[in-house]
Amino acid sequence: MQCVWAGNAGGRFEIIAAGNYRHLFDLNTHGGPKFPQDSLINDIKFRLVGVAPYPKHNAPVDPEAEVIIKLLATSDN
């Protein structure tokens, strides 16, 4: 997770779908055209719902810190 600006956390995700096809995508808590909050892959919508603890602006990143990411996956049918 990375704090892009105060009020937004972003993460890079990897999904391996049927046929072992790899999907890499970035999601953000803020949303908007440049900072998407959701992504559609194989008719499944993935949405970044929350991050805890929320990253602090300009705070050093601790690679050993425990982070809880809430990612919602729903059928787009």
PDB file of N, CA and C in Angstrom:
ATOM      1  N   MET A   1       0.845  -1.181   0.000  1.00  0.00           N
ATOM      2  CA  MET A   1       0.000   0.000   0.000  1.00  0.00           C
ATOM      3  C   MET A   1       0.880   1.229   0.000  1.00  0.00           C
ATOM      4  N   GLN A   2       0.353   2.276  -0.600  1.00  0.00           N
ATOM      5  CA  GLN A   2       1.097   3.524  -0.707  1.00  0.00           C
ATOM      6  C   GLN A   2       0.121   4.680  -0.580  1.00  0.00           C
ATOM      7  N   CYS A   3       0.517   5.696   0.177  1.00  0.00           N
ATOM      8  CA  CYS A   3      -0.297   6.895   0.294  1.00  0.00           C
ATOM      9  C   CYS A   3       0.107   7.835  -0.836  1.00  0.00           C
ATOM     10  N   VAL A   4      -0.754   7.987  -1.844  1.00  0.00           N
ATOM     11  CA  VAL A   4      -0.459   8.817  -3.003  1.00  0.00           C
ATOM     12  C   VAL A   4      -0.589  10.282  -2.627  1.00  0.00           C
ATOM     13  N   TRP A   5      -1.611  10.623  -1.902  1.00  0.00           N
ATOM     14  CA  TRP A   5      -1.769  11.942  -1.311  1.00  0.00           C
ATOM     15  C   TRP A   5      -2.663  11.764  -0.099  1.00  0.00           C
ATOM     16  N   ALA A   6      -2.699  12.761   0.755  1.00  0.00           N
ATOM     17  CA  ALA A   6      -3.523  12.655   1.963  1.00  0.00           C
ATOM     18  C   ALA A   6      -4.961  12.346   1.558  1.00  0.00           C
ATOM     19  N   GLY A   7      -5.513  11.287   2.106  1.00  0.00           N
ATOM     20  CA  GLY A   7      -6.894  10.907   1.805  1.00  0.00           C
ATOM     21  C   GLY A   7      -7.009   9.812   0.771  1.00  0.00           C
ATOM     22  N   ASN A   8      -5.894   9.312   0.230  1.00  0.00           N
ATOM     23  CA  ASN A   8      -5.963   8.237  -0.753  1.00  0.00           C
ATOM     24  C   ASN A   8      -4.896   7.190  -0.457  1.00  0.00           C
ATOM     25  N   ALA A   9      -5.309   5.927  -0.454  1.00  0.00           N
ATOM     26  CA  ALA A   9      -4.364   4.819  -0.367  1.00  0.00           C
ATOM     27  C   ALA A   9      -4.521   4.010  -1.646  1.00  0.00           C
ATOM     28  N   GLY A  10      -3.416   3.598  -2.207  1.00  0.00           N
ATOM     29  CA  GLY A  10      -3.463   2.823  -3.438  1.00  0.00           C
ATOM     30  C   GLY A  10      -2.692   1.532  -3.298  1.00  0.00           C
ATOM     31  N   GLY A  11      -3.126   0.520  -4.018  1.00  0.00           N
ATOM     32  CA  GLY A  11      -2.451  -0.763  -3.975  1.00  0.00           C
ATOM     33  C   GLY A  11      -2.431  -1.414  -5.339  1.00  0.00           C
ATOM     34  N   ARG A  12      -1.443  -2.253  -5.564  1.00  0.00           N
ATOM     35  CA  ARG A  12      -1.348  -3.023  -6.808  1.00  0.00           C
ATOM     36  C   ARG A  12      -1.747  -4.460  -6.486  1.00  0.00           C
ATOM     37  N   PHE A  13      -2.626  -5.000  -7.312  1.00  0.00           N
ATOM     38  CA  PHE A  13      -3.163  -6.339  -7.087  1.00  0.00           C
ATOM     39  C   PHE A  13      -2.870  -7.235  -8.281  1.00  0.00           C
ATOM     40  N   GLU A  14      -2.794  -8.532  -8.017  1.00  0.00           N
ATOM     41  CA  GLU A  14      -2.601  -9.523  -9.069  1.00  0.00           C
ATOM     42  C   GLU A  14      -3.653 -10.601  -8.895  1.00  0.00           C
ATOM     43  N   ILE A  15      -4.387 -10.854  -9.964  1.00  0.00           N
ATOM     44  CA  ILE A  15      -5.407 -11.904  -9.972  1.00  0.00           C
ATOM     45  C   ILE A  15      -5.014 -12.900 -11.055  1.00  0.00           C
ATOM     46  N   ILE A  16      -5.017 -14.184 -10.729  1.00  0.00           N
ATOM     47  CA  ILE A  16      -4.789 -15.225 -11.724  1.00  0.00           C
ATOM     48  C   ILE A  16      -6.156 -15.828 -12.031  1.00  0.00           C
ATOM     49  N   ALA A  17      -6.617 -15.630 -13.261  1.00  0.00           N
ATOM     50  CA  ALA A  17      -7.955 -16.069 -13.663  1.00  0.00           C
ATOM     51  C   ALA A  17      -7.865 -17.401 -14.410  1.00  0.00           C
ATOM     52  N   ALA A  18      -9.035 -17.895 -14.831  1.00  0.00           N
ATOM     53  CA  ALA A  18      -9.114 -19.157 -15.568  1.00  0.00           C
ATOM     54  C   ALA A  18      -8.118 -19.159 -16.718  1.00  0.00           C
ATOM     55  N   GLY A  19      -7.471 -20.285 -16.909  1.00  0.00           N
ATOM     56  CA  GLY A  19      -6.471 -20.388 -17.960  1.00  0.00           C
ATOM     57  C   GLY A  19      -5.134 -19.815 -17.536  1.00  0.00           C
ATOM     58  N   ASN A  20      -4.986 -19.549 -16.245  1.00  0.00           N
ATOM     59  CA  ASN A  20      -3.752 -19.007 -15.687  1.00  0.00           C
ATOM     60  C   ASN A  20      -3.372 -17.662 -16.282  1.00  0.00           C
ATOM     61  N   TYR A  21      -4.359 -16.876 -16.688  1.00  0.00           N
ATOM     62  CA  TYR A  21      -4.085 -15.550 -17.225  1.00  0.00           C
ATOM     63  C   TYR A  21      -3.908 -14.572 -16.075  1.00  0.00           C
ATOM     64  N   ARG A  22      -2.811 -13.858 -16.079  1.00  0.00           N
ATOM     65  CA  ARG A  22      -2.442 -12.954 -14.984  1.00  0.00           C
ATOM     66  C   ARG A  22      -2.956 -11.544 -15.263  1.00  0.00           C
ATOM     67  N   HIS A  23      -3.665 -10.980 -14.298  1.00  0.00           N
ATOM     68  CA  HIS A  23      -4.176  -9.611 -14.386  1.00  0.00           C
ATOM     69  C   HIS A  23      -3.529  -8.774 -13.285  1.00  0.00           C
ATOM     70  N   LEU A  24      -2.818  -7.725 -13.660  1.00  0.00           N
ATOM     71  CA  LEU A  24      -2.269  -6.764 -12.708  1.00  0.00           C
ATOM     72  C   LEU A  24      -3.094  -5.492 -12.806  1.00  0.00           C
ATOM     73  N   PHE A  25      -3.480  -4.928 -11.662  1.00  0.00           N
ATOM     74  CA  PHE A  25      -4.260  -3.695 -11.683  1.00  0.00           C
ATOM     75  C   PHE A  25      -4.044  -2.930 -10.391  1.00  0.00           C
ATOM     76  N   ASP A  26      -4.236  -1.625 -10.477  1.00  0.00           N
ATOM     77  CA  ASP A  26      -4.096  -0.730  -9.326  1.00  0.00           C
ATOM     78  C   ASP A  26      -5.473  -0.249  -8.906  1.00  0.00           C
ATOM     79  N   LEU A  27      -5.699  -0.199  -7.593  1.00  0.00           N
ATOM     80  CA  LEU A  27      -6.943   0.341  -7.059  1.00  0.00           C
ATOM     81  C   LEU A  27      -6.607   1.367  -5.987  1.00  0.00           C
ATOM     82  N   ASN A  28      -7.509   2.309  -5.788  1.00  0.00           N
ATOM     83  CA  ASN A  28      -7.331   3.400  -4.835  1.00  0.00           C
ATOM     84  C   ASN A  28      -8.573   3.550  -3.971  1.00  0.00           C
ATOM     85  N   THR A  29      -8.412   4.144  -2.808  1.00  0.00           N
ATOM     86  CA  THR A  29      -9.566   4.403  -1.953  1.00  0.00           C
ATOM     87  C   THR A  29     -10.294   5.677  -2.364  1.00  0.00           C
ATOM     88  N   HIS A  30      -9.615   6.582  -3.070  1.00  0.00           N
ATOM     89  CA  HIS A  30     -10.222   7.864  -3.443  1.00  0.00           C
ATOM     90  C   HIS A  30     -11.173   7.740  -4.618  1.00  0.00           C
ATOM     91  N   GLY A  31     -10.764   7.084  -5.682  1.00  0.00           N
ATOM     92  CA  GLY A  31     -11.575   6.964  -6.885  1.00  0.00           C
ATOM     93  C   GLY A  31     -11.321   8.121  -7.837  1.00  0.00           C
ATOM     94  N   GLY A  32     -12.004   8.119  -8.958  1.00  0.00           N
ATOM     95  CA  GLY A  32     -11.834   9.148  -9.975  1.00  0.00           C
ATOM     96  C   GLY A  32     -11.124   8.585 -11.190  1.00  0.00           C
ATOM     97  N   PRO A  33     -11.055   9.361 -12.282  1.00  0.00           N
ATOM     98  CA  PRO A  33     -10.496   8.852 -13.536  1.00  0.00           C
ATOM     99  C   PRO A  33      -9.028   8.415 -13.446  1.00  0.00           C
ATOM    100  N   LYS A  34      -8.219   9.115 -12.682  1.00  0.00           N
ATOM    101  CA  LYS A  34      -6.802   8.770 -12.581  1.00  0.00           C
ATOM    102  C   LYS A  34      -6.504   7.832 -11.415  1.00  0.00           C
ATOM    103  N   PHE A  35      -7.450   7.657 -10.528  1.00  0.00           N
ATOM    104  CA  PHE A  35      -7.249   6.829  -9.337  1.00  0.00           C
ATOM    105  C   PHE A  35      -8.446   5.895  -9.161  1.00  0.00           C
ATOM    106  N   PRO A  36      -8.572   4.872 -10.048  1.00  0.00           N
ATOM    107  CA  PRO A  36      -9.756   4.008 -10.007  1.00  0.00           C
ATOM    108  C   PRO A  36      -9.896   3.261  -8.691  1.00  0.00           C
ATOM    109  N   GLN A  37     -11.135   3.141  -8.281  1.00  0.00           N
ATOM    110  CA  GLN A  37     -11.460   2.426  -7.044  1.00  0.00           C
ATOM    111  C   GLN A  37     -11.878   0.993  -7.346  1.00  0.00           C
ATOM    112  N   ASP A  38     -12.237   0.722  -8.604  1.00  0.00           N
ATOM    113  CA  ASP A  38     -12.653  -0.631  -8.961  1.00  0.00           C
ATOM    114  C   ASP A  38     -12.128  -1.024 -10.335  1.00  0.00           C
ATOM    115  N   SER A  39     -12.180  -2.333 -10.609  1.00  0.00           N
ATOM    116  CA  SER A  39     -11.715  -2.888 -11.872  1.00  0.00           C
ATOM    117  C   SER A  39     -12.566  -4.105 -12.205  1.00  0.00           C
ATOM    118  N   LEU A  40     -12.883  -4.288 -13.489  1.00  0.00           N
ATOM    119  CA  LEU A  40     -13.699  -5.414 -13.942  1.00  0.00           C
ATOM    120  C   LEU A  40     -12.796  -6.422 -14.652  1.00  0.00           C
ATOM    121  N   ILE A  41     -12.759  -7.647 -14.133  1.00  0.00           N
ATOM    122  CA  ILE A  41     -11.948  -8.711 -14.714  1.00  0.00           C
ATOM    123  C   ILE A  41     -12.813  -9.959 -14.818  1.00  0.00           C
ATOM    124  N   ASN A  42     -12.971 -10.470 -16.036  1.00  0.00           N
ATOM    125  CA  ASN A  42     -13.767 -11.690 -16.271  1.00  0.00           C
ATOM    126  C   ASN A  42     -15.140 -11.615 -15.608  1.00  0.00           C
ATOM    127  N   ASP A  43     -15.839 -10.502 -15.793  1.00  0.00           N
ATOM    128  CA  ASP A  43     -17.184 -10.282 -15.245  1.00  0.00           C
ATOM    129  C   ASP A  43     -17.227 -10.249 -13.720  1.00  0.00           C
ATOM    130  N   ILE A  44     -16.104 -10.047 -13.075  1.00  0.00           N
ATOM    131  CA  ILE A  44     -16.063  -9.869 -11.625  1.00  0.00           C
ATOM    132  C   ILE A  44     -15.522  -8.482 -11.342  1.00  0.00           C
ATOM    133  N   LYS A  45     -16.274  -7.722 -10.562  1.00  0.00           N
ATOM    134  CA  LYS A  45     -15.870  -6.362 -10.213  1.00  0.00           C
ATOM    135  C   LYS A  45     -15.125  -6.397  -8.877  1.00  0.00           C
ATOM    136  N   PHE A  46     -13.893  -5.905  -8.901  1.00  0.00           N
ATOM    137  CA  PHE A  46     -13.066  -5.811  -7.701  1.00  0.00           C
ATOM    138  C   PHE A  46     -13.036  -4.351  -7.268  1.00  0.00           C
ATOM    139  N   ARG A  47     -13.306  -4.105  -5.987  1.00  0.00           N
ATOM    140  CA  ARG A  47     -13.361  -2.736  -5.465  1.00  0.00           C
ATOM    141  C   ARG A  47     -12.569  -2.654  -4.164  1.00  0.00           C
ATOM    142  N   LEU A  48     -11.687  -1.664  -4.087  1.00  0.00           N
ATOM    143  CA  LEU A  48     -10.937  -1.431  -2.855  1.00  0.00           C
ATOM    144  C   LEU A  48     -11.846  -0.675  -1.897  1.00  0.00           C
ATOM    145  N   VAL A  49     -12.202  -1.327  -0.806  1.00  0.00           N
ATOM    146  CA  VAL A  49     -13.160  -0.764   0.145  1.00  0.00           C
ATOM    147  C   VAL A  49     -12.465  -0.024   1.280  1.00  0.00           C
ATOM    148  N   GLY A  50     -11.318  -0.540   1.733  1.00  0.00           N
ATOM    149  CA  GLY A  50     -10.645   0.113   2.849  1.00  0.00           C
ATOM    150  C   GLY A  50      -9.272  -0.454   3.120  1.00  0.00           C
ATOM    151  N   VAL A  51      -8.510   0.314   3.881  1.00  0.00           N
ATOM    152  CA  VAL A  51      -7.157  -0.051   4.280  1.00  0.00           C
ATOM    153  C   VAL A  51      -7.000   0.309   5.754  1.00  0.00           C
ATOM    154  N   ALA A  52      -6.420  -0.602   6.539  1.00  0.00           N
ATOM    155  CA  ALA A  52      -6.183  -0.309   7.957  1.00  0.00           C
ATOM    156  C   ALA A  52      -4.838  -0.889   8.374  1.00  0.00           C
ATOM    157  N   PRO A  53      -4.009  -0.190   9.089  1.00  0.00           N
ATOM    158  CA  PRO A  53      -4.181   1.229   9.378  1.00  0.00           C
ATOM    159  C   PRO A  53      -3.960   2.042   8.110  1.00  0.00           C
ATOM    160  N   TYR A  54      -4.663   3.144   8.035  1.00  0.00           N
ATOM    161  CA  TYR A  54      -4.579   3.986   6.849  1.00  0.00           C
ATOM    162  C   TYR A  54      -3.193   4.615   6.771  1.00  0.00           C
ATOM    163  N   PRO A  55      -2.520   4.571   5.592  1.00  0.00           N
ATOM    164  CA  PRO A  55      -1.170   5.154   5.489  1.00  0.00           C
ATOM    165  C   PRO A  55      -1.179   6.647   5.796  1.00  0.00           C
ATOM    166  N   LYS A  56      -0.104   7.121   6.407  1.00  0.00           N
ATOM    167  CA  LYS A  56       0.018   8.544   6.731  1.00  0.00           C
ATOM    168  C   LYS A  56       0.856   9.229   5.670  1.00  0.00           C
ATOM    169  N   HIS A  57       0.474  10.423   5.300  1.00  0.00           N
ATOM    170  CA  HIS A  57       1.166  11.200   4.276  1.00  0.00           C
ATOM    171  C   HIS A  57       2.622  11.430   4.670  1.00  0.00           C
ATOM    172  N   ASN A  58       3.537  11.126   3.750  1.00  0.00           N
ATOM    173  CA  ASN A  58       4.978  11.308   3.928  1.00  0.00           C
ATOM    174  C   ASN A  58       5.578  10.503   5.075  1.00  0.00           C
ATOM    175  N   ALA A  59       4.871   9.518   5.580  1.00  0.00           N
ATOM    176  CA  ALA A  59       5.414   8.663   6.636  1.00  0.00           C
ATOM    177  C   ALA A  59       6.263   7.571   5.993  1.00  0.00           C
ATOM    178  N   PRO A  60       7.350   7.162   6.638  1.00  0.00           N
ATOM    179  CA  PRO A  60       8.160   6.083   6.070  1.00  0.00           C
ATOM    180  C   PRO A  60       7.357   4.786   5.997  1.00  0.00           C
ATOM    181  N   VAL A  61       7.620   4.007   4.970  1.00  0.00           N
ATOM    182  CA  VAL A  61       6.913   2.739   4.784  1.00  0.00           C
ATOM    183  C   VAL A  61       7.681   1.637   5.495  1.00  0.00           C
ATOM    184  N   ASP A  62       6.976   0.898   6.342  1.00  0.00           N
ATOM    185  CA  ASP A  62       7.570  -0.238   7.047  1.00  0.00           C
ATOM    186  C   ASP A  62       7.165  -1.509   6.303  1.00  0.00           C
ATOM    187  N   PRO A  63       8.098  -2.148   5.570  1.00  0.00           N
ATOM    188  CA  PRO A  63       7.738  -3.334   4.798  1.00  0.00           C
ATOM    189  C   PRO A  63       7.291  -4.515   5.655  1.00  0.00           C
ATOM    190  N   GLU A  64       7.552  -4.459   6.951  1.00  0.00           N
ATOM    191  CA  GLU A  64       7.153  -5.533   7.858  1.00  0.00           C
ATOM    192  C   GLU A  64       5.820  -5.257   8.553  1.00  0.00           C
ATOM    193  N   ALA A  65       5.250  -4.080   8.335  1.00  0.00           N
ATOM    194  CA  ALA A  65       4.003  -3.709   9.010  1.00  0.00           C
ATOM    195  C   ALA A  65       2.840  -4.559   8.509  1.00  0.00           C
ATOM    196  N   GLU A  66       1.941  -4.875   9.413  1.00  0.00           N
ATOM    197  CA  GLU A  66       0.740  -5.617   9.050  1.00  0.00           C
ATOM    198  C   GLU A  66      -0.312  -4.632   8.543  1.00  0.00           C
ATOM    199  N   VAL A  67      -0.849  -4.917   7.363  1.00  0.00           N
ATOM    200  CA  VAL A  67      -1.867  -4.066   6.755  1.00  0.00           C
ATOM    201  C   VAL A  67      -3.066  -4.947   6.416  1.00  0.00           C
ATOM    202  N   ILE A  68      -4.245  -4.458   6.726  1.00  0.00           N
ATOM    203  CA  ILE A  68      -5.479  -5.160   6.380  1.00  0.00           C
ATOM    204  C   ILE A  68      -6.126  -4.420   5.218  1.00  0.00           C
ATOM    205  N   ILE A  69      -6.367  -5.147   4.139  1.00  0.00           N
ATOM    206  CA  ILE A  69      -6.958  -4.565   2.937  1.00  0.00           C
ATOM    207  C   ILE A  69      -8.324  -5.203   2.732  1.00  0.00           C
ATOM    208  N   LYS A  70      -9.346  -4.370   2.575  1.00  0.00           N
ATOM    209  CA  LYS A  70     -10.690  -4.880   2.294  1.00  0.00           C
ATOM    210  C   LYS A  70     -10.948  -4.719   0.800  1.00  0.00           C
ATOM    211  N   LEU A  71     -11.035  -5.860   0.114  1.00  0.00           N
ATOM    212  CA  LEU A  71     -11.267  -5.897  -1.320  1.00  0.00           C
ATOM    213  C   LEU A  71     -12.573  -6.639  -1.558  1.00  0.00           C
ATOM    214  N   LEU A  72     -13.525  -5.970  -2.177  1.00  0.00           N
ATOM    215  CA  LEU A  72     -14.843  -6.553  -2.433  1.00  0.00           C
ATOM    216  C   LEU A  72     -14.879  -7.081  -3.857  1.00  0.00           C
ATOM    217  N   ALA A  73     -15.312  -8.324  -4.043  1.00  0.00           N
ATOM    218  CA  ALA A  73     -15.451  -8.934  -5.358  1.00  0.00           C
ATOM    219  C   ALA A  73     -16.907  -9.315  -5.554  1.00  0.00           C
ATOM    220  N   THR A  74     -17.531  -8.784  -6.609  1.00  0.00           N
ATOM    221  CA  THR A  74     -18.936  -9.072  -6.887  1.00  0.00           C
ATOM    222  C   THR A  74     -19.111  -9.411  -8.364  1.00  0.00           C
ATOM    223  N   SER A  75     -20.110 -10.223  -8.654  1.00  0.00           N
ATOM    224  CA  SER A  75     -20.434 -10.574 -10.032  1.00  0.00           C
ATOM    225  C   SER A  75     -21.045  -9.359 -10.713  1.00  0.00           C
ATOM    226  N   ASP A  76     -20.634  -9.087 -11.936  1.00  0.00           N
ATOM    227  CA  ASP A  76     -21.148  -7.936 -12.678  1.00  0.00           C
ATOM    228  C   ASP A  76     -22.334  -8.323 -13.553  1.00  0.00           C
ATOM    229  N   ASN A  77     -22.906  -9.500 -13.337  1.00  0.00           N
ATOM    230  CA  ASN A  77     -24.049  -9.951 -14.151  1.00  0.00           C
ATOM    231  C   ASN A  77     -25.335  -9.326 -13.685  1.00  0.00           C
TER     232      ASN A  77
END
